[in-house]
Amino acid sequence: MMRHLVLISIATFVVAMLALFLVKHEVRGLERELAALEHERQSHVEAIRVLRSEWSYLTRPARLAALAERNLPLEPVAPAQVRWLPQRPVGPSALVLPISGDAER
């Protein structure tokens, strides 16, 4: 009886050690994957910071005004170019067209 108990204890110990060994290697692999993902995330954060800085530089009003003046043939608007739209009533009735014919009764 004692011999069986010792063999069962040794077998349980070996199985537990094997399971612990496998779990340890799985955890190390997951830690390496986490470190790689964190490094990638940090790279993306840095890239976003650089892109925001470039965007701020490229969209400066003074720079855009100089580019527009140099590349666009724009002139000030002359009063003759302005047209006024006819006055329309404001409100929900302006959106509804009246129905003509028998439907009005």
C-alpha atoms as a PDB file:
ATOM      1  CA  MET A   1       0.000   0.000   0.000  1.00  0.00           C
ATOM      2  CA  MET A   2       2.796   2.374   0.897  1.00  0.00           C
ATOM      3  CA  ARG A   3       4.554   1.644  -2.382  1.00  0.00           C
ATOM      4  CA  HIS A   4       1.438   2.627  -4.411  1.00  0.00           C
ATOM      5  CA  LEU A   5       1.098   5.830  -2.452  1.00  0.00           C
ATOM      6  CA  VAL A   6       4.739   6.736  -3.158  1.00  0.00           C
ATOM      7  CA  LEU A   7       4.330   5.966  -6.898  1.00  0.00           C
ATOM      8  CA  ILE A   8       1.131   8.029  -7.081  1.00  0.00           C
ATOM      9  CA  SER A   9       2.855  10.904  -5.264  1.00  0.00           C
ATOM     10  CA  ILE A  10       5.843  10.797  -7.627  1.00  0.00           C
ATOM     11  CA  ALA A  11       3.569  10.674 -10.692  1.00  0.00           C
ATOM     12  CA  THR A  12       1.512  13.597  -9.371  1.00  0.00           C
ATOM     13  CA  PHE A  13       4.703  15.531  -8.688  1.00  0.00           C
ATOM     14  CA  VAL A  14       6.018  14.874 -12.235  1.00  0.00           C
ATOM     15  CA  VAL A  15       2.699  15.901 -13.828  1.00  0.00           C
ATOM     16  CA  ALA A  16       2.584  19.051 -11.697  1.00  0.00           C
ATOM     17  CA  MET A  17       6.178  19.940 -12.629  1.00  0.00           C
ATOM     18  CA  LEU A  18       5.460  19.366 -16.335  1.00  0.00           C
ATOM     19  CA  ALA A  19       2.323  21.559 -16.146  1.00  0.00           C
ATOM     20  CA  LEU A  20       4.264  24.262 -14.305  1.00  0.00           C
ATOM     21  CA  PHE A  21       7.042  24.112 -16.904  1.00  0.00           C
ATOM     22  CA  LEU A  22       4.535  24.511 -19.773  1.00  0.00           C
ATOM     23  CA  VAL A  23       2.735  27.379 -18.057  1.00  0.00           C
ATOM     24  CA  LYS A  24       6.054  29.135 -17.394  1.00  0.00           C
ATOM     25  CA  HIS A  25       7.024  28.984 -21.063  1.00  0.00           C
ATOM     26  CA  GLU A  26       3.580  30.129 -22.165  1.00  0.00           C
ATOM     27  CA  VAL A  27       3.781  33.113 -19.778  1.00  0.00           C
ATOM     28  CA  ARG A  28       7.251  34.035 -21.067  1.00  0.00           C
ATOM     29  CA  GLY A  29       5.962  33.921 -24.644  1.00  0.00           C
ATOM     30  CA  LEU A  30       3.022  36.125 -23.716  1.00  0.00           C
ATOM     31  CA  GLU A  31       5.374  38.558 -21.942  1.00  0.00           C
ATOM     32  CA  ARG A  32       7.529  38.789 -25.087  1.00  0.00           C
ATOM     33  CA  GLU A  33       4.405  39.374 -27.191  1.00  0.00           C
ATOM     34  CA  LEU A  34       3.221  42.056 -24.749  1.00  0.00           C
ATOM     35  CA  ALA A  35       6.618  43.776 -24.876  1.00  0.00           C
ATOM     36  CA  ALA A  36       6.540  43.745 -28.692  1.00  0.00           C
ATOM     37  CA  LEU A  37       3.007  45.172 -28.733  1.00  0.00           C
ATOM     38  CA  GLU A  38       3.988  47.879 -26.234  1.00  0.00           C
ATOM     39  CA  HIS A  39       6.981  48.791 -28.382  1.00  0.00           C
ATOM     40  CA  GLU A  40       4.745  48.955 -31.459  1.00  0.00           C
ATOM     41  CA  ARG A  41       2.214  51.095 -29.579  1.00  0.00           C
ATOM     42  CA  GLN A  42       4.972  53.461 -28.483  1.00  0.00           C
ATOM     43  CA  SER A  43       6.169  53.705 -32.092  1.00  0.00           C
ATOM     44  CA  HIS A  44       2.640  54.595 -33.209  1.00  0.00           C
ATOM     45  CA  VAL A  45       2.323  57.226 -30.470  1.00  0.00           C
ATOM     46  CA  GLU A  46       5.603  58.785 -31.595  1.00  0.00           C
ATOM     47  CA  ALA A  47       4.501  58.700 -35.255  1.00  0.00           C
ATOM     48  CA  ILE A  48       1.218  60.409 -34.340  1.00  0.00           C
ATOM     49  CA  ARG A  49       3.130  63.083 -32.428  1.00  0.00           C
ATOM     50  CA  VAL A  50       5.388  63.726 -35.427  1.00  0.00           C
ATOM     51  CA  LEU A  51       2.422  63.828 -37.824  1.00  0.00           C
ATOM     52  CA  ARG A  52       0.569  66.311 -35.609  1.00  0.00           C
ATOM     53  CA  SER A  53       3.663  68.487 -35.502  1.00  0.00           C
ATOM     54  CA  GLU A  54       3.998  68.339 -39.295  1.00  0.00           C
ATOM     55  CA  TRP A  55       0.293  69.125 -39.695  1.00  0.00           C
ATOM     56  CA  SER A  56       0.655  72.174 -37.454  1.00  0.00           C
ATOM     57  CA  TYR A  57       3.647  73.336 -39.468  1.00  0.00           C
ATOM     58  CA  LEU A  58       1.943  72.800 -42.839  1.00  0.00           C
ATOM     59  CA  THR A  59      -1.347  74.490 -41.872  1.00  0.00           C
ATOM     60  CA  ARG A  60       0.099  77.716 -40.469  1.00  0.00           C
ATOM     61  CA  PRO A  61      -2.101  80.594 -41.719  1.00  0.00           C
ATOM     62  CA  ALA A  62       0.884  82.658 -42.912  1.00  0.00           C
ATOM     63  CA  ARG A  63       2.226  79.729 -44.949  1.00  0.00           C
ATOM     64  CA  LEU A  64      -1.190  78.975 -46.462  1.00  0.00           C
ATOM     65  CA  ALA A  65      -1.713  82.638 -47.344  1.00  0.00           C
ATOM     66  CA  ALA A  66       1.668  82.771 -49.105  1.00  0.00           C
ATOM     67  CA  LEU A  67       0.903  79.584 -51.031  1.00  0.00           C
ATOM     68  CA  ALA A  68      -2.541  80.844 -52.038  1.00  0.00           C
ATOM     69  CA  GLU A  69      -1.126  84.178 -53.168  1.00  0.00           C
ATOM     70  CA  ARG A  70       1.574  82.468 -55.202  1.00  0.00           C
ATOM     71  CA  ASN A  71      -0.475  79.622 -56.749  1.00  0.00           C
ATOM     72  CA  LEU A  72      -4.089  80.783 -56.965  1.00  0.00           C
ATOM     73  CA  PRO A  73      -5.178  83.522 -59.376  1.00  0.00           C
ATOM     74  CA  LEU A  74      -7.626  85.055 -56.903  1.00  0.00           C
ATOM     75  CA  GLU A  75      -8.851  88.631 -56.985  1.00  0.00           C
ATOM     76  CA  PRO A  76     -11.083  90.542 -54.577  1.00  0.00           C
ATOM     77  CA  VAL A  77     -14.810  90.104 -55.183  1.00  0.00           C
ATOM     78  CA  ALA A  78     -16.347  92.961 -57.151  1.00  0.00           C
ATOM     79  CA  PRO A  79     -19.765  94.269 -56.095  1.00  0.00           C
ATOM     80  CA  ALA A  80     -21.176  93.313 -59.505  1.00  0.00           C
ATOM     81  CA  GLN A  81     -20.394  89.667 -58.769  1.00  0.00           C
ATOM     82  CA  VAL A  82     -22.699  89.565 -55.723  1.00  0.00           C
ATOM     83  CA  ARG A  83     -26.287  88.476 -56.389  1.00  0.00           C
ATOM     84  CA  TRP A  84     -29.063  88.454 -53.829  1.00  0.00           C
ATOM     85  CA  LEU A  85     -31.525  85.586 -53.727  1.00  0.00           C
ATOM     86  CA  PRO A  86     -35.217  86.463 -53.695  1.00  0.00           C
ATOM     87  CA  GLN A  87     -36.794  86.621 -50.246  1.00  0.00           C
ATOM     88  CA  ARG A  88     -38.530  83.400 -49.283  1.00  0.00           C
ATOM     89  CA  PRO A  89     -40.819  82.938 -46.291  1.00  0.00           C
ATOM     90  CA  VAL A  90     -39.071  81.346 -43.350  1.00  0.00           C
ATOM     91  CA  GLY A  91     -40.652  78.464 -41.481  1.00  0.00           C
ATOM     92  CA  PRO A  92     -42.218  75.076 -42.103  1.00  0.00           C
ATOM     93  CA  SER A  93     -44.709  76.428 -44.652  1.00  0.00           C
ATOM     94  CA  ALA A  94     -41.790  77.422 -46.888  1.00  0.00           C
ATOM     95  CA  LEU A  95     -40.941  73.745 -47.290  1.00  0.00           C
ATOM     96  CA  VAL A  96     -44.450  72.544 -48.155  1.00  0.00           C
ATOM     97  CA  LEU A  97     -45.737  73.098 -51.665  1.00  0.00           C
ATOM     98  CA  PRO A  98     -49.480  73.736 -51.973  1.00  0.00           C
ATOM     99  CA  ILE A  99     -51.517  71.034 -53.684  1.00  0.00           C
ATOM    100  CA  SER A 100     -53.796  72.242 -56.437  1.00  0.00           C
ATOM    101  CA  GLY A 101     -57.010  70.642 -57.587  1.00  0.00           C
ATOM    102  CA  ASP A 102     -59.535  68.470 -55.757  1.00  0.00           C
ATOM    103  CA  ALA A 103     -57.244  67.566 -52.886  1.00  0.00           C
ATOM    104  CA  GLU A 104     -57.696  71.004 -51.237  1.00  0.00           C
ATOM    105  CA  ARG A 105     -61.373  70.409 -50.393  1.00  0.00           C
END
